[in-house]
Amino acid sequence: MVSYQVNDALALQLNVDNLTDKDYITDYSAKGHFRPGAPRSIKLGVSYQF
């Protein structure tokens, strides 16, 4: 997460999950099923207060 306060009213925030986009397993069941992790995701948020 990176955030930047542009001015008193405007703020930006950037979130990146799984930055390197590597494959990984989040869960394993006793029956041999794997649950893969989420791929890379990027979100930009803008906050404005008035």
PDB file of N, CA and C in Angstrom:
ATOM      1  N   MET A   1       0.845  -1.159   0.000  1.00  0.00           N
ATOM      2  CA  MET A   1       0.000   0.000   0.000  1.00  0.00           C
ATOM      3  C   MET A   1       0.893   1.224   0.000  1.00  0.00           C
ATOM      4  N   VAL A   2       0.541   2.146  -0.871  1.00  0.00           N
ATOM      5  CA  VAL A   2       1.215   3.439  -0.933  1.00  0.00           C
ATOM      6  C   VAL A   2       0.131   4.496  -0.962  1.00  0.00           C
ATOM      7  N   SER A   3       0.316   5.535  -0.154  1.00  0.00           N
ATOM      8  CA  SER A   3      -0.664   6.621  -0.179  1.00  0.00           C
ATOM      9  C   SER A   3       0.056   7.948  -0.349  1.00  0.00           C
ATOM     10  N   TYR A   4      -0.676   8.912  -0.911  1.00  0.00           N
ATOM     11  CA  TYR A   4      -0.118  10.238  -1.153  1.00  0.00           C
ATOM     12  C   TYR A   4      -1.198  11.273  -0.888  1.00  0.00           C
ATOM     13  N   GLN A   5      -0.889  12.202  -0.008  1.00  0.00           N
ATOM     14  CA  GLN A   5      -1.803  13.296   0.311  1.00  0.00           C
ATOM     15  C   GLN A   5      -1.502  14.436  -0.655  1.00  0.00           C
ATOM     16  N   VAL A   6      -2.356  14.635  -1.666  1.00  0.00           N
ATOM     17  CA  VAL A   6      -2.143  15.644  -2.696  1.00  0.00           C
ATOM     18  C   VAL A   6      -2.288  17.044  -2.099  1.00  0.00           C
ATOM     19  N   ASN A   7      -3.370  17.262  -1.362  1.00  0.00           N
ATOM     20  CA  ASN A   7      -3.600  18.515  -0.644  1.00  0.00           C
ATOM     21  C   ASN A   7      -4.496  18.212   0.550  1.00  0.00           C
ATOM     22  N   ASP A   8      -5.014  19.255   1.198  1.00  0.00           N
ATOM     23  CA  ASP A   8      -5.834  19.039   2.403  1.00  0.00           C
ATOM     24  C   ASP A   8      -7.093  18.209   2.130  1.00  0.00           C
ATOM     25  N   ALA A   9      -7.597  18.252   0.917  1.00  0.00           N
ATOM     26  CA  ALA A   9      -8.864  17.592   0.605  1.00  0.00           C
ATOM     27  C   ALA A   9      -8.714  16.303  -0.204  1.00  0.00           C
ATOM     28  N   LEU A  10      -7.615  16.129  -0.902  1.00  0.00           N
ATOM     29  CA  LEU A  10      -7.468  15.015  -1.849  1.00  0.00           C
ATOM     30  C   LEU A  10      -6.349  14.071  -1.439  1.00  0.00           C
ATOM     31  N   ALA A  11      -6.669  12.770  -1.390  1.00  0.00           N
ATOM     32  CA  ALA A  11      -5.679  11.743  -1.072  1.00  0.00           C
ATOM     33  C   ALA A  11      -5.809  10.593  -2.069  1.00  0.00           C
ATOM     34  N   LEU A  12      -4.683   9.998  -2.422  1.00  0.00           N
ATOM     35  CA  LEU A  12      -4.640   8.849  -3.326  1.00  0.00           C
ATOM     36  C   LEU A  12      -4.047   7.659  -2.584  1.00  0.00           C
ATOM     37  N   GLN A  13      -4.538   6.461  -2.895  1.00  0.00           N
ATOM     38  CA  GLN A  13      -4.011   5.251  -2.278  1.00  0.00           C
ATOM     39  C   GLN A  13      -3.941   4.149  -3.326  1.00  0.00           C
ATOM     40  N   LEU A  14      -2.794   3.489  -3.420  1.00  0.00           N
ATOM     41  CA  LEU A  14      -2.581   2.395  -4.367  1.00  0.00           C
ATOM     42  C   LEU A  14      -2.295   1.121  -3.585  1.00  0.00           C
ATOM     43  N   ASN A  15      -3.093   0.076  -3.834  1.00  0.00           N
ATOM     44  CA  ASN A  15      -2.907  -1.236  -3.208  1.00  0.00           C
ATOM     45  C   ASN A  15      -2.563  -2.251  -4.288  1.00  0.00           C
ATOM     46  N   VAL A  16      -1.526  -3.055  -4.036  1.00  0.00           N
ATOM     47  CA  VAL A  16      -1.150  -4.131  -4.953  1.00  0.00           C
ATOM     48  C   VAL A  16      -1.052  -5.414  -4.142  1.00  0.00           C
ATOM     49  N   ASP A  17      -1.820  -6.427  -4.538  1.00  0.00           N
ATOM     50  CA  ASP A  17      -1.756  -7.745  -3.915  1.00  0.00           C
ATOM     51  C   ASP A  17      -1.032  -8.697  -4.859  1.00  0.00           C
ATOM     52  N   ASN A  18      -0.182  -9.553  -4.304  1.00  0.00           N
ATOM     53  CA  ASN A  18       0.610 -10.511  -5.065  1.00  0.00           C
ATOM     54  C   ASN A  18       1.428  -9.784  -6.131  1.00  0.00           C
ATOM     55  N   LEU A  19       2.278  -8.888  -5.691  1.00  0.00           N
ATOM     56  CA  LEU A  19       3.064  -8.016  -6.555  1.00  0.00           C
ATOM     57  C   LEU A  19       3.841  -8.792  -7.614  1.00  0.00           C
ATOM     58  N   THR A  20       4.455  -9.906  -7.266  1.00  0.00           N
ATOM     59  CA  THR A  20       5.267 -10.673  -8.214  1.00  0.00           C
ATOM     60  C   THR A  20       4.443 -11.644  -9.054  1.00  0.00           C
ATOM     61  N   ASP A  21       3.140 -11.734  -8.797  1.00  0.00           N
ATOM     62  CA  ASP A  21       2.217 -12.616  -9.527  1.00  0.00           C
ATOM     63  C   ASP A  21       2.659 -14.074  -9.498  1.00  0.00           C
ATOM     64  N   LYS A  22       3.187 -14.518  -8.358  1.00  0.00           N
ATOM     65  CA  LYS A  22       3.599 -15.921  -8.210  1.00  0.00           C
ATOM     66  C   LYS A  22       2.400 -16.790  -7.876  1.00  0.00           C
ATOM     67  N   ASP A  23       2.459 -18.043  -8.297  1.00  0.00           N
ATOM     68  CA  ASP A  23       1.427 -19.015  -7.965  1.00  0.00           C
ATOM     69  C   ASP A  23       1.672 -19.538  -6.551  1.00  0.00           C
ATOM     70  N   TYR A  24       0.622 -19.661  -5.776  1.00  0.00           N
ATOM     71  CA  TYR A  24       0.737 -20.197  -4.427  1.00  0.00           C
ATOM     72  C   TYR A  24      -0.576 -20.858  -4.041  1.00  0.00           C
ATOM     73  N   ILE A  25      -0.533 -21.620  -2.976  1.00  0.00           N
ATOM     74  CA  ILE A  25      -1.700 -22.362  -2.519  1.00  0.00           C
ATOM     75  C   ILE A  25      -2.153 -21.780  -1.187  1.00  0.00           C
ATOM     76  N   THR A  26      -3.445 -21.476  -1.083  1.00  0.00           N
ATOM     77  CA  THR A  26      -3.970 -20.906   0.158  1.00  0.00           C
ATOM     78  C   THR A  26      -4.614 -21.955   1.050  1.00  0.00           C
ATOM     79  N   ASP A  27      -5.010 -23.087   0.466  1.00  0.00           N
ATOM     80  CA  ASP A  27      -5.713 -24.087   1.259  1.00  0.00           C
ATOM     81  C   ASP A  27      -5.484 -25.465   0.651  1.00  0.00           C
ATOM     82  N   TYR A  28      -5.453 -26.480   1.489  1.00  0.00           N
ATOM     83  CA  TYR A  28      -5.308 -27.866   1.060  1.00  0.00           C
ATOM     84  C   TYR A  28      -6.286 -28.701   1.866  1.00  0.00           C
ATOM     85  N   SER A  29      -7.102 -29.489   1.175  1.00  0.00           N
ATOM     86  CA  SER A  29      -8.066 -30.329   1.890  1.00  0.00           C
ATOM     87  C   SER A  29      -7.524 -31.746   2.019  1.00  0.00           C
ATOM     88  N   ALA A  30      -8.115 -32.507   2.908  1.00  0.00           N
ATOM     89  CA  ALA A  30      -7.694 -33.889   3.143  1.00  0.00           C
ATOM     90  C   ALA A  30      -7.946 -34.771   1.928  1.00  0.00           C
ATOM     91  N   LYS A  31      -8.837 -34.347   1.024  1.00  0.00           N
ATOM     92  CA  LYS A  31      -9.140 -35.123  -0.179  1.00  0.00           C
ATOM     93  C   LYS A  31      -8.158 -34.841  -1.313  1.00  0.00           C
ATOM     94  N   GLY A  32      -7.164 -34.013  -1.067  1.00  0.00           N
ATOM     95  CA  GLY A  32      -6.152 -33.730  -2.082  1.00  0.00           C
ATOM     96  C   GLY A  32      -6.486 -32.558  -2.984  1.00  0.00           C
ATOM     97  N   HIS A  33      -7.457 -31.759  -2.608  1.00  0.00           N
ATOM     98  CA  HIS A  33      -7.812 -30.586  -3.404  1.00  0.00           C
ATOM     99  C   HIS A  33      -7.020 -29.379  -2.934  1.00  0.00           C
ATOM    100  N   PHE A  34      -6.521 -28.615  -3.895  1.00  0.00           N
ATOM    101  CA  PHE A  34      -5.789 -27.394  -3.587  1.00  0.00           C
ATOM    102  C   PHE A  34      -6.634 -26.191  -3.971  1.00  0.00           C
ATOM    103  N   ARG A  35      -6.492 -25.103  -3.246  1.00  0.00           N
ATOM    104  CA  ARG A  35      -7.145 -23.845  -3.599  1.00  0.00           C
ATOM    105  C   ARG A  35      -6.043 -22.845  -3.941  1.00  0.00           C
ATOM    106  N   PRO A  36      -5.961 -22.436  -5.203  1.00  0.00           N
ATOM    107  CA  PRO A  36      -4.894 -21.504  -5.586  1.00  0.00           C
ATOM    108  C   PRO A  36      -5.128 -20.118  -5.001  1.00  0.00           C
ATOM    109  N   GLY A  37      -4.031 -19.392  -4.811  1.00  0.00           N
ATOM    110  CA  GLY A  37      -4.119 -18.022  -4.315  1.00  0.00           C
ATOM    111  C   GLY A  37      -4.560 -17.070  -5.410  1.00  0.00           C
ATOM    112  N   ALA A  38      -4.907 -15.885  -5.006  1.00  0.00           N
ATOM    113  CA  ALA A  38      -5.386 -14.868  -5.953  1.00  0.00           C
ATOM    114  C   ALA A  38      -4.242 -14.356  -6.825  1.00  0.00           C
ATOM    115  N   PRO A  39      -4.536 -14.051  -8.080  1.00  0.00           N
ATOM    116  CA  PRO A  39      -3.507 -13.469  -8.947  1.00  0.00           C
ATOM    117  C   PRO A  39      -3.263 -12.005  -8.563  1.00  0.00           C
ATOM    118  N   ARG A  40      -2.333 -11.386  -9.242  1.00  0.00           N
ATOM    119  CA  ARG A  40      -2.031  -9.978  -8.970  1.00  0.00           C
ATOM    120  C   ARG A  40      -3.285  -9.129  -9.145  1.00  0.00           C
ATOM    121  N   SER A  41      -3.487  -8.210  -8.230  1.00  0.00           N
ATOM    122  CA  SER A  41      -4.580  -7.249  -8.368  1.00  0.00           C
ATOM    123  C   SER A  41      -4.069  -5.880  -7.940  1.00  0.00           C
ATOM    124  N   ILE A  42      -4.523  -4.882  -8.656  1.00  0.00           N
ATOM    125  CA  ILE A  42      -4.102  -3.497  -8.398  1.00  0.00           C
ATOM    126  C   ILE A  42      -5.349  -2.655  -8.219  1.00  0.00           C
ATOM    127  N   LYS A  43      -5.382  -1.865  -7.140  1.00  0.00           N
ATOM    128  CA  LYS A  43      -6.522  -1.016  -6.852  1.00  0.00           C
ATOM    129  C   LYS A  43      -6.040   0.398  -6.554  1.00  0.00           C
ATOM    130  N   LEU A  44      -6.693   1.364  -7.155  1.00  0.00           N
ATOM    131  CA  LEU A  44      -6.397   2.773  -6.903  1.00  0.00           C
ATOM    132  C   LEU A  44      -7.605   3.411  -6.256  1.00  0.00           C
ATOM    133  N   GLY A  45      -7.392   4.010  -5.105  1.00  0.00           N
ATOM    134  CA  GLY A  45      -8.481   4.682  -4.403  1.00  0.00           C
ATOM    135  C   GLY A  45      -8.243   6.185  -4.351  1.00  0.00           C
ATOM    136  N   VAL A  46      -9.311   6.930  -4.478  1.00  0.00           N
ATOM    137  CA  VAL A  46      -9.250   8.392  -4.403  1.00  0.00           C
ATOM    138  C   VAL A  46     -10.209   8.832  -3.313  1.00  0.00           C
ATOM    139  N   SER A  47      -9.734   9.671  -2.424  1.00  0.00           N
ATOM    140  CA  SER A  47     -10.549  10.192  -1.329  1.00  0.00           C
ATOM    141  C   SER A  47     -10.544  11.711  -1.396  1.00  0.00           C
ATOM    142  N   TYR A  48     -11.741  12.280  -1.393  1.00  0.00           N
ATOM    143  CA  TYR A  48     -11.874  13.743  -1.432  1.00  0.00           C
ATOM    144  C   TYR A  48     -12.811  14.177  -0.320  1.00  0.00           C
ATOM    145  N   GLN A  49     -12.348  15.081   0.518  1.00  0.00           N
ATOM    146  CA  GLN A  49     -13.158  15.589   1.615  1.00  0.00           C
ATOM    147  C   GLN A  49     -13.461  17.059   1.393  1.00  0.00           C
ATOM    148  N   PHE A  50     -14.729  17.426   1.560  1.00  0.00           N
ATOM    149  CA  PHE A  50     -15.097  18.834   1.407  1.00  0.00           C
ATOM    150  C   PHE A  50     -16.010  19.269   2.522  1.00  0.00           C
TER     151      PHE A  50
END
